[in-house]
C-alpha cells in the first residue's frame, strides 16, 4: 500500500501521466564509458562518489571504472554518509581502506571537508559522481565545490559526471542565499530549489567570481570537464528518465522524500512540527505537538497554498508505533512553489507556541544557514504569527525568474 501511495503522489506531481522511458537517458558515467574513457585514459584518477553513483543499469561507477583496462583508479573519496551511504547524518566519517576494492577511502565529512594536498598527491584528475536533489542545503553539492577548490589549488583536473536534477530543470523557488550565511549547507548563492544539474552547478563555481573560496587566478586556471548526459531535458522529472532511484541518504529512500525534502525540510527546524522522519513518509507526514491532525490539516488548507492538498493518514513508525499525521500531496506540479509550505509552517509554529519560538531558538545560526535569508529571519523573529509570508513568497518568485535568466548561460541542456 505504501508503494502505491508513493506512486500516486509522484504521478500527480507532474500533473500529467509520467511514463518511464527506459534506457532513454545516458548518464555522465555512461557517456564516459561509451567514449572509451577518453577523458581519463592515461591518467591516475580518484573518484568522489556514493551509492547513488551508478550507471543507467544500476552498476556502481566504482565498478565501471575498475573493470576498464585503460582506467587507473587509485583512490576513493566519500561525502556525508560515506561511499556506501550507511553513515548517519551529521556524524563524522573516518578514512579507511575499502575492503571490497582495497583502495584508500578519504572521507570528506570527517577531519577534512576539503581534500588535503596529501589526499590529492599523485592524482591527475578527480572524478565526481554524486546524485543531488536540486536543493541548496543538501550537502553533496557543497562537497563538490570544496573538492573543486582543493583540486584547482593543487593542479588536479576536476571531471564531473553529470546526473539529472530529480525536480527537473525548470522549477526554481525559495529564498536566495545571503553571503553571510554561506556554509556547508549553503555553498552556492542560488535559490533554495535551484533547477540546475550538478554539472551546471560546477560550471557556476568555475566561471563565477566569488563562488569559490580561492583567488580568481586559481579559479580561472582550474581545469573543469563536465561529462554531459544524453537524452535528458530540462522539463523532465525523475520518473520520466526511466532510471531507478537509489537512496542518496538514509532519510531520502524514494522520490516522495526527494520532493518532501524541498517542501518541508525548512519548516520543521524550529518549534513543534515534525515531518515524518521515522515513518514510511519522510518529509511528507506533518504533525504538530499539541495539535490534532484535523487542526493541522485545517490550518494548512486555510493558507490556500497553490498546487498542494492535505489528507489525514494513519501509519506506523519503523518501531511499530501507530501514528497519524497530515500527508502533503502535490495535486498540481505546475502551480507548486516547493518551499512555500515551509514558511507557512513557520508562521503556524509562531501562532501555536506561547511567545515567539524563533526569538528563543537554540541555534538560530544553523536555521539561517539553511534558510539563507536575513530578511526572513528578521520577519519571523520580530513579527511571528503576523509575518508577511505571502509577500516574501512573491518576492522570491520574482528573484527566481531573474536567477533563471542570469544563469541560463550555464545550461548544458
Protein backbone atom coordinates (compact mmCIF):
# COMPACT_ATOMS: atom_id res chain seq x y z
CA UNK A 1 0.00 0.00 0.00
CA UNK A 2 2.82 2.40 0.87
CA UNK A 3 4.43 1.89 -2.54
CA UNK A 4 1.08 2.51 -4.23
CA UNK A 5 0.59 5.78 -2.38
CA UNK A 6 4.07 6.95 -3.30
CA UNK A 7 3.46 6.13 -6.96
CA UNK A 8 0.18 8.05 -6.88
CA UNK A 9 1.87 11.09 -5.34
CA UNK A 10 4.56 11.08 -7.99
CA UNK A 11 2.02 10.75 -10.78
CA UNK A 12 0.15 13.78 -9.51
CA UNK A 13 3.42 15.64 -9.08
CA UNK A 14 3.79 16.18 -12.80
CA UNK A 15 0.10 16.90 -13.29
CA UNK A 16 0.21 14.53 -16.21
CA UNK A 17 0.93 10.88 -16.86
CA UNK A 18 4.59 10.20 -16.21
CA UNK A 19 5.52 7.17 -18.27
CA UNK A 20 9.02 5.85 -17.63
CA UNK A 21 11.06 5.82 -20.80
CA UNK A 22 13.52 3.05 -20.03
CA UNK A 23 17.06 3.36 -21.40
CA UNK A 24 16.40 6.80 -22.78
CA UNK A 25 18.84 8.65 -20.54
CA UNK A 26 22.57 8.13 -20.68
CA UNK A 27 24.22 9.46 -17.52
CA UNK A 28 27.63 11.07 -17.38
CA UNK A 29 29.21 7.76 -16.39
CA UNK A 30 27.53 6.12 -19.39
CA UNK A 31 28.76 8.68 -21.91
CA UNK A 32 32.25 8.49 -20.39
CA UNK A 33 32.27 4.72 -20.87
CA UNK A 34 30.82 4.97 -24.37
CA UNK A 35 33.68 7.31 -25.31
CA UNK A 36 36.17 4.61 -24.31
CA UNK A 37 37.01 6.66 -21.20
CA UNK A 38 38.81 9.12 -23.45
CA UNK A 39 38.80 11.94 -20.85
CA UNK A 40 40.74 9.87 -18.29
CA UNK A 41 42.84 7.47 -20.34
CA UNK A 42 46.44 7.54 -19.18
CA UNK A 43 45.60 9.46 -16.00
CA UNK A 44 45.77 8.48 -12.35
CA UNK A 45 42.31 9.28 -11.06
CA UNK A 46 40.37 9.44 -7.82
CA UNK A 47 36.60 9.09 -7.57
CA UNK A 48 34.28 11.03 -5.25
CA UNK A 49 31.01 9.11 -5.12
CA UNK A 50 28.34 7.35 -3.05
CA UNK A 51 25.80 4.50 -3.53
CA UNK A 52 23.69 6.56 -5.96
CA UNK A 53 26.75 6.91 -8.21
CA UNK A 54 25.65 4.19 -10.63
CA UNK A 55 25.26 3.89 -14.38
CA UNK A 56 21.87 3.61 -16.07
CA UNK A 57 21.89 -0.16 -15.45
CA UNK A 58 22.50 0.27 -11.73
CA UNK A 59 26.18 -0.71 -11.76
CA UNK A 60 28.36 1.27 -9.36
CA UNK A 61 30.64 3.82 -11.02
CA UNK A 62 33.40 2.37 -8.88
CA UNK A 63 32.98 -0.97 -10.63
CA UNK A 64 32.59 0.62 -14.06
CA UNK A 65 35.95 2.36 -13.69
CA UNK A 66 37.74 -0.58 -12.04
CA UNK A 67 36.83 -3.04 -14.77
CA UNK A 68 38.06 -0.71 -17.56
CA UNK A 69 41.52 -1.79 -18.69
CA UNK A 70 42.56 1.74 -19.65
CA UNK A 71 41.46 3.44 -16.38
CA UNK A 72 43.82 3.78 -13.44
CA UNK A 73 41.58 4.32 -10.40
CA UNK A 74 43.82 4.77 -7.35
CA UNK A 75 41.67 6.35 -4.62
CA UNK A 76 38.09 6.84 -3.47
CA UNK A 77 36.58 9.87 -1.74
CA UNK A 78 33.37 9.82 0.27
CA UNK A 79 30.90 12.63 1.11
CA UNK A 80 28.47 12.81 4.05
CA UNK A 81 27.05 9.30 4.72
CA UNK A 82 30.16 7.70 3.16
CA UNK A 83 30.72 5.87 -0.12
CA UNK A 84 28.24 3.18 0.91
CA UNK A 85 25.61 5.55 2.31
CA UNK A 86 25.45 3.82 5.68
CA UNK A 87 26.82 6.61 7.87
CA UNK A 88 24.42 8.76 9.90
CA UNK A 89 23.69 12.41 9.08
CA UNK A 90 25.93 14.98 10.78
CA UNK A 91 28.27 12.23 12.05
CA UNK A 92 31.98 12.47 11.09
CA UNK A 93 33.29 9.65 8.90
CA UNK A 94 36.86 8.32 9.17
CA UNK A 95 39.33 7.47 6.42
CA UNK A 96 39.69 3.76 5.76
CA UNK A 97 40.72 1.08 3.31
CA UNK A 98 37.77 -0.16 1.27
CA UNK A 99 37.57 -3.91 1.95
CA UNK A 100 35.84 -4.53 -1.37
CA UNK A 101 38.39 -2.84 -3.65
CA UNK A 102 41.45 -2.43 -1.45
CA UNK A 103 41.57 1.25 -2.37
CA UNK A 104 42.09 4.03 0.18
CA UNK A 105 38.87 5.88 1.01
CA UNK A 106 39.35 9.50 2.04
CA UNK A 107 36.46 10.97 4.00
CA UNK A 108 35.33 14.48 3.11
CA UNK A 109 32.95 14.50 6.05
CA UNK A 110 35.30 13.93 8.95
CA UNK A 111 38.53 15.65 9.92
CA UNK A 112 38.50 17.26 6.47
CA UNK A 113 35.68 18.74 4.41
CA UNK A 114 38.13 19.66 1.69
CA UNK A 115 40.68 17.24 0.22
CA UNK A 116 44.14 17.84 1.64
CA UNK A 117 47.20 18.09 -0.63
CA UNK A 118 48.25 14.67 0.70
CA UNK A 119 44.97 13.11 -0.45
CA UNK A 120 45.42 14.57 -3.94
CA UNK A 121 49.11 13.78 -4.26
CA UNK A 122 49.80 11.75 -7.40
CA UNK A 123 46.34 12.33 -8.91
CA UNK A 124 45.96 13.75 -12.39
CA UNK A 125 42.19 14.09 -12.05
CA UNK A 126 39.38 13.76 -9.53
CA UNK A 127 36.14 12.35 -10.94
CA UNK A 128 32.96 13.48 -9.15
CA UNK A 129 29.84 11.33 -9.49
CA UNK A 130 27.23 12.42 -6.94
CA UNK A 131 23.43 12.41 -7.20
CA UNK A 132 21.99 15.72 -5.99
CA UNK A 133 18.38 16.55 -5.06
CA UNK A 134 18.22 20.01 -6.63
CA UNK A 135 18.04 21.61 -3.16
CA UNK A 136 20.69 24.03 -1.90
CA UNK A 137 21.14 22.62 1.61
CA UNK A 138 21.77 19.03 0.52
CA UNK A 139 25.49 18.69 1.19
CA UNK A 140 26.72 16.82 -1.88
CA UNK A 141 26.98 19.99 -3.96
CA UNK A 142 28.96 21.61 -1.13
CA UNK A 143 31.27 18.60 -1.09
CA UNK A 144 31.76 19.04 -4.83
CA UNK A 145 32.58 22.75 -4.51
CA UNK A 146 35.12 22.18 -1.73
CA UNK A 147 36.72 19.37 -3.74
CA UNK A 148 36.93 21.63 -6.79
CA UNK A 149 38.69 24.29 -4.72
CA UNK A 150 41.28 21.84 -3.46
CA UNK A 151 41.88 20.40 -6.93
CA UNK A 152 42.31 23.81 -8.51
CA UNK A 153 44.76 24.80 -5.77
CA UNK A 154 46.80 21.64 -6.35
CA UNK A 155 46.74 21.45 -10.14
CA UNK A 156 44.38 18.48 -10.33
CA UNK A 157 41.74 18.34 -13.06
CA UNK A 158 38.08 18.03 -12.00
CA UNK A 159 35.82 15.78 -14.06
CA UNK A 160 32.12 15.92 -13.13
CA UNK A 161 29.87 13.12 -14.38
CA UNK A 162 26.53 14.82 -14.78
CA UNK A 163 23.22 13.49 -13.44
CA UNK A 164 19.57 14.61 -13.63
CA UNK A 165 18.09 17.12 -11.24
CA UNK A 166 15.22 14.95 -9.94
CA UNK A 167 12.98 18.03 -9.64
CA UNK A 168 13.68 18.96 -13.26
CA UNK A 169 15.47 21.96 -14.65
CA UNK A 170 12.59 24.43 -14.78
CA UNK A 171 11.42 24.72 -11.16
CA UNK A 172 13.29 27.41 -9.19
CA UNK A 173 11.97 28.54 -5.82
CA UNK A 174 12.67 29.85 -2.38
CA UNK A 175 14.99 32.40 -0.80
CA UNK A 176 18.41 33.05 -2.31
CA UNK A 177 21.43 32.66 -0.03
CA UNK A 178 22.75 35.82 1.64
CA UNK A 179 26.54 35.86 1.61
CA UNK A 180 26.79 35.98 5.42
CA UNK A 181 25.08 32.57 5.68
CA UNK A 182 27.33 30.71 3.27
CA UNK A 183 28.29 27.36 4.84
CA UNK A 184 28.42 23.63 4.17
CA UNK A 185 24.60 23.59 3.97
CA UNK A 186 24.68 26.60 1.67
CA UNK A 187 27.76 26.64 -0.53
CA UNK A 188 26.15 28.23 -3.59
CA UNK A 189 24.37 31.58 -3.90
CA UNK A 190 21.30 30.11 -5.52
CA UNK A 191 17.60 29.89 -4.58
CA UNK A 192 16.77 27.02 -2.23
CA UNK A 193 15.40 24.98 -5.18
CA UNK A 194 17.85 25.89 -7.95
CA UNK A 195 16.85 23.97 -11.09
CA UNK A 196 20.43 23.09 -12.10
CA UNK A 197 22.22 19.79 -12.59
CA UNK A 198 25.33 19.12 -10.55
CA UNK A 199 27.42 19.63 -13.67
CA UNK A 200 25.82 23.02 -14.26
CA UNK A 201 26.50 23.97 -10.64
CA UNK A 202 30.13 23.00 -11.18
CA UNK A 203 30.23 25.45 -14.09
CA UNK A 204 28.71 28.16 -11.88
CA UNK A 205 31.55 27.59 -9.41
CA UNK A 206 34.25 27.56 -12.09
CA UNK A 207 33.09 30.59 -14.06
CA UNK A 208 31.60 32.91 -11.41
CA UNK A 209 33.85 35.12 -9.34
CA UNK A 210 33.29 34.84 -5.59
CA UNK A 211 31.55 31.46 -5.68
CA UNK A 212 34.63 29.56 -4.55
CA UNK A 213 37.00 30.46 -1.73
CA UNK A 214 40.04 30.67 -3.97
CA UNK A 215 41.59 33.57 -5.84
CA UNK A 216 40.23 34.42 -9.27
CA UNK A 217 43.58 33.39 -10.76
CA UNK A 218 43.37 29.92 -9.22
CA UNK A 219 39.74 29.58 -10.29
CA UNK A 220 40.44 30.70 -13.85
CA UNK A 221 43.42 28.36 -14.18
CA UNK A 222 41.50 25.40 -12.77
CA UNK A 223 40.60 22.71 -15.26
CA UNK A 224 36.98 21.54 -15.23
CA UNK A 225 35.47 18.95 -17.55
CA UNK A 226 31.77 18.13 -17.35
CA UNK A 227 30.76 14.86 -18.98
CA UNK A 228 27.22 15.56 -20.14
CA UNK A 229 24.22 13.25 -20.17
CA UNK A 230 22.47 12.29 -23.35
CA UNK A 231 18.69 12.36 -23.61
CA UNK A 232 17.91 14.49 -20.55
CA UNK A 233 15.77 17.61 -20.99
CA UNK A 234 15.04 20.40 -18.54
CA UNK A 235 11.34 19.62 -18.36
CA UNK A 236 11.99 16.06 -17.17
CA UNK A 237 11.21 14.97 -13.63
CA UNK A 238 12.93 11.83 -12.41
CA UNK A 239 10.13 9.37 -13.33
CA UNK A 240 10.44 10.45 -16.96
CA UNK A 241 14.10 9.41 -17.11
CA UNK A 242 13.35 5.70 -16.80
CA UNK A 243 16.07 5.44 -14.15
CA UNK A 244 15.69 3.63 -10.84
CA UNK A 245 16.07 5.86 -7.79
CA UNK A 246 18.91 4.80 -5.49
CA UNK A 247 18.60 6.26 -1.97
CA UNK A 248 21.03 9.16 -1.67
CA UNK A 249 20.96 9.20 2.15
CA UNK A 250 19.10 7.35 4.93
CA UNK A 251 16.17 9.81 5.01
CA UNK A 252 15.81 10.04 1.21
CA UNK A 253 14.80 6.46 0.33
CA UNK A 254 12.48 7.34 -2.55
CA UNK A 255 11.23 10.10 -4.83
CA UNK A 256 8.43 11.05 -2.46
CA UNK A 257 11.09 12.04 0.08
CA UNK A 258 13.06 13.98 -2.56
CA UNK A 259 10.14 16.31 -3.13
CA UNK A 260 9.25 16.33 0.56
CA UNK A 261 12.75 17.46 1.49
CA UNK A 262 12.37 20.50 -0.75
CA UNK A 263 8.89 21.26 0.64
CA UNK A 264 9.01 20.70 4.40
CA UNK A 265 12.69 20.38 5.29
CA UNK A 266 12.95 24.01 6.38
CA UNK A 267 9.58 24.20 8.12
CA UNK A 268 10.28 21.72 10.92
CA UNK A 269 13.62 23.10 12.10
CA UNK A 270 12.16 25.27 14.87
CA UNK A 271 9.13 24.53 17.05
CA UNK A 272 6.59 21.73 17.27
CA UNK A 273 6.33 20.49 13.67
CA UNK A 274 7.69 17.09 12.71
CA UNK A 275 7.79 15.98 9.10
CA UNK A 276 7.59 12.21 9.11
CA UNK A 277 11.15 11.07 9.80
CA UNK A 278 10.89 7.54 11.16
CA UNK A 279 7.68 6.78 9.23
CA UNK A 280 7.24 5.40 5.69
CA UNK A 281 6.70 9.02 4.54
CA UNK A 282 9.82 11.05 5.43
CA UNK A 283 9.34 14.78 4.86
CA UNK A 284 5.71 14.22 3.80
CA UNK A 285 3.77 13.42 7.00
CA UNK A 286 3.26 16.51 9.17
CA UNK A 287 2.39 16.53 12.86
CA UNK A 288 2.48 19.32 15.45
CA UNK A 289 2.90 18.67 19.15
CA UNK A 290 -0.33 19.51 20.99
CA UNK A 291 -2.44 19.78 17.82
CA UNK A 292 -4.71 17.14 16.30
CA UNK A 293 -4.26 16.04 12.70
CA UNK A 294 -7.57 17.71 11.89
CA UNK A 295 -6.36 21.02 13.31
CA UNK A 296 -3.11 20.80 11.33
CA UNK A 297 -4.98 19.89 8.16
CA UNK A 298 -7.45 22.76 8.50
CA UNK A 299 -4.72 25.27 9.27
CA UNK A 300 -2.70 24.27 6.21
CA UNK A 301 -5.77 24.26 3.96
CA UNK A 302 -6.62 27.77 5.17
CA UNK A 303 -3.32 29.04 3.72
CA UNK A 304 -4.53 28.17 0.20
CA UNK A 305 -1.10 27.08 -0.98
CA UNK A 306 -1.24 26.56 -4.77
CA UNK A 307 -0.77 23.02 -6.04
CA UNK A 308 -0.98 21.25 -2.67
CA UNK A 309 -3.67 19.27 -0.90
CA UNK A 310 -3.66 17.68 2.54
CA UNK A 311 -5.15 14.46 3.84
CA UNK A 312 -5.05 12.72 7.18
CA UNK A 313 -3.14 9.47 7.09
CA UNK A 314 -2.55 6.78 9.72
CA UNK A 315 0.57 4.64 9.54
CA UNK A 316 3.24 3.09 11.74
CA UNK A 317 6.73 4.17 12.66
CA UNK A 318 9.71 1.93 11.98
CA UNK A 319 9.49 0.91 15.65
CA UNK A 320 5.90 -0.26 15.08
CA UNK A 321 4.06 2.54 16.88
CA UNK A 322 0.83 3.78 15.32
CA UNK A 323 0.90 7.44 14.26
CA UNK A 324 -1.45 9.81 12.50
CA UNK A 325 -0.45 12.86 10.53
CA UNK A 326 -1.23 15.10 7.58
CA UNK A 327 0.17 13.90 4.28
CA UNK A 328 1.33 16.68 1.95
CA UNK A 329 0.12 15.78 -1.52
CA UNK A 330 1.11 17.53 -4.76
CA UNK A 331 -2.06 17.96 -6.80
CA UNK A 332 -0.65 20.29 -9.48
CA UNK A 333 3.11 20.40 -10.01
CA UNK A 334 2.84 23.33 -12.41
CA UNK A 335 1.43 25.55 -9.65
CA UNK A 336 3.62 24.38 -6.78
CA UNK A 337 6.33 26.53 -5.27
CA UNK A 338 8.07 23.74 -3.38
CA UNK A 339 9.40 25.72 -0.42
CA UNK A 340 6.24 27.78 0.17
CA UNK A 341 4.67 25.39 2.67
CA UNK A 342 7.74 25.56 4.95
CA UNK A 343 7.27 29.26 5.56
CA UNK A 344 3.60 28.81 6.41
CA UNK A 345 4.68 26.04 8.78
CA UNK A 346 6.95 28.57 10.48
CA UNK A 347 4.14 31.09 10.72
CA UNK A 348 1.84 28.47 12.25
CA UNK A 349 4.61 27.50 14.66
CA UNK A 350 4.75 31.09 15.88
CA UNK A 351 0.95 31.21 16.19
CA UNK A 352 0.67 27.94 18.11
CA UNK A 353 3.58 28.41 20.51
CA UNK A 354 3.48 30.77 23.52
CA UNK A 355 5.87 33.62 22.89
CA UNK A 356 7.88 33.54 19.71
CA UNK A 357 9.95 30.34 19.40
CA UNK A 358 12.13 31.92 16.73
CA UNK A 359 13.36 34.55 19.18
CA UNK A 360 14.38 31.86 21.66
CA UNK A 361 15.65 29.35 19.05
CA UNK A 362 18.61 27.41 20.42
CA UNK A 363 20.59 27.57 17.21
CA UNK A 364 19.40 30.45 15.02
CA UNK A 365 22.68 30.38 13.11
CA UNK A 366 22.04 26.87 11.81
CA UNK A 367 18.45 27.82 10.93
CA UNK A 368 19.68 30.80 8.94
CA UNK A 369 22.40 28.81 7.19
CA UNK A 370 19.68 26.52 5.86
CA UNK A 371 17.10 29.19 5.00
CA UNK A 372 19.72 31.68 3.87
CA UNK A 373 17.68 34.88 4.24
CA UNK A 374 18.40 37.52 6.87
CA UNK A 375 15.25 39.37 5.80
CA UNK A 376 13.07 36.34 6.55
CA UNK A 377 14.75 35.81 9.92
CA UNK A 378 14.03 39.41 10.86
CA UNK A 379 10.43 38.99 9.74
CA UNK A 380 9.64 35.72 11.54
CA UNK A 381 11.57 36.58 14.70
CA UNK A 382 10.06 40.08 15.02
CA UNK A 383 6.53 39.57 13.69
CA UNK A 384 5.98 35.88 14.46
CA UNK A 385 2.43 34.84 13.60
CA UNK A 386 1.92 38.15 11.77
CA UNK A 387 4.79 37.50 9.36
CA UNK A 388 4.02 38.67 5.82
CA UNK A 389 4.66 35.26 4.31
CA UNK A 390 2.80 35.86 1.05
CA UNK A 391 4.87 38.97 0.33
CA UNK A 392 8.10 37.04 0.80
CA UNK A 393 6.92 34.16 -1.37
CA UNK A 394 6.01 36.58 -4.18
CA UNK A 395 9.33 38.40 -3.90
CA UNK A 396 11.30 35.15 -4.02
CA UNK A 397 9.33 34.07 -7.10
CA UNK A 398 10.43 37.24 -8.92
CA UNK A 399 14.02 36.71 -7.82
CA UNK A 400 13.83 33.13 -9.10
CA UNK A 401 12.87 34.39 -12.55
CA UNK A 402 15.87 36.73 -12.54
CA UNK A 403 18.12 33.91 -11.41
CA UNK A 404 16.98 31.73 -14.30
CA UNK A 405 17.64 34.48 -16.81
CA UNK A 406 21.09 35.22 -15.37
CA UNK A 407 22.15 31.58 -15.14
CA UNK A 408 20.82 30.30 -18.47
CA UNK A 409 24.35 30.68 -19.81
CA UNK A 410 25.38 27.71 -17.63
CA UNK A 411 22.71 25.40 -19.01
CA UNK A 412 24.06 22.27 -20.66
CA UNK A 413 20.63 21.03 -21.83
